[in-house]
């Protein structure tokens, strides 16, 4: 989601990018919600 790698053998890099993106989205979601709300809930 969001990152496309055209080189072979870059699967690990893609996985790491996905993980970083997921963490960033989680942090943004947490900041956007009031204190005490569940950050895992969309």
C-alpha atoms as a PDB file:
ATOM      1  CA  UNK A   1       0.000   0.000   0.000  1.00  0.00           C
ATOM      2  CA  UNK A   2       1.651   3.156  -1.169  1.00  0.00           C
ATOM      3  CA  UNK A   3       5.080   1.743  -1.921  1.00  0.00           C
ATOM      4  CA  UNK A   4       5.994  -0.039  -5.146  1.00  0.00           C
ATOM      5  CA  UNK A   5       9.385  -1.650  -5.658  1.00  0.00           C
ATOM      6  CA  UNK A   6      10.387  -2.647  -9.175  1.00  0.00           C
ATOM      7  CA  UNK A   7      13.623  -4.423  -8.243  1.00  0.00           C
ATOM      8  CA  UNK A   8      13.844  -8.127  -7.572  1.00  0.00           C
ATOM      9  CA  UNK A   9      14.840  -9.178  -4.074  1.00  0.00           C
ATOM     10  CA  UNK A  10      13.313  -6.064  -2.544  1.00  0.00           C
ATOM     11  CA  UNK A  11      10.505  -7.976  -0.847  1.00  0.00           C
ATOM     12  CA  UNK A  12      11.999  -7.364   2.603  1.00  0.00           C
ATOM     13  CA  UNK A  13      12.347  -3.652   1.882  1.00  0.00           C
ATOM     14  CA  UNK A  14       8.721  -3.545   0.786  1.00  0.00           C
ATOM     15  CA  UNK A  15       7.633  -5.353   3.956  1.00  0.00           C
ATOM     16  CA  UNK A  16       9.597  -2.904   6.105  1.00  0.00           C
ATOM     17  CA  UNK A  17       8.073   0.050   4.237  1.00  0.00           C
ATOM     18  CA  UNK A  18       4.600  -1.386   4.812  1.00  0.00           C
ATOM     19  CA  UNK A  19       5.346  -1.769   8.521  1.00  0.00           C
ATOM     20  CA  UNK A  20       6.601   1.813   8.783  1.00  0.00           C
ATOM     21  CA  UNK A  21       3.538   3.081   6.927  1.00  0.00           C
ATOM     22  CA  UNK A  22       1.248   1.114   9.236  1.00  0.00           C
ATOM     23  CA  UNK A  23       3.021   2.548  12.300  1.00  0.00           C
ATOM     24  CA  UNK A  24       2.741   6.072  10.911  1.00  0.00           C
ATOM     25  CA  UNK A  25      -0.974   5.631  10.235  1.00  0.00           C
ATOM     26  CA  UNK A  26      -1.472   4.244  13.736  1.00  0.00           C
ATOM     27  CA  UNK A  27       0.341   7.220  15.285  1.00  0.00           C
ATOM     28  CA  UNK A  28      -1.683   9.700  13.234  1.00  0.00           C
ATOM     29  CA  UNK A  29      -4.897   7.921  14.167  1.00  0.00           C
ATOM     30  CA  UNK A  30      -3.902   8.029  17.834  1.00  0.00           C
ATOM     31  CA  UNK A  31      -3.137  11.761  17.635  1.00  0.00           C
ATOM     32  CA  UNK A  32      -6.410  12.453  15.843  1.00  0.00           C
ATOM     33  CA  UNK A  33      -8.474  10.781  18.567  1.00  0.00           C
ATOM     34  CA  UNK A  34      -9.171  12.006  22.107  1.00  0.00           C
ATOM     35  CA  UNK A  35      -7.367  10.471  25.088  1.00  0.00           C
ATOM     36  CA  UNK A  36      -8.534   7.055  26.217  1.00  0.00           C
ATOM     37  CA  UNK A  37     -10.017   5.940  22.901  1.00  0.00           C
ATOM     38  CA  UNK A  38      -8.919   2.689  21.296  1.00  0.00           C
ATOM     39  CA  UNK A  39      -6.283   3.474  18.605  1.00  0.00           C
ATOM     40  CA  UNK A  40      -6.890   0.133  16.887  1.00  0.00           C
ATOM     41  CA  UNK A  41     -10.470   1.017  15.997  1.00  0.00           C
ATOM     42  CA  UNK A  42     -11.085   2.701  12.668  1.00  0.00           C
END
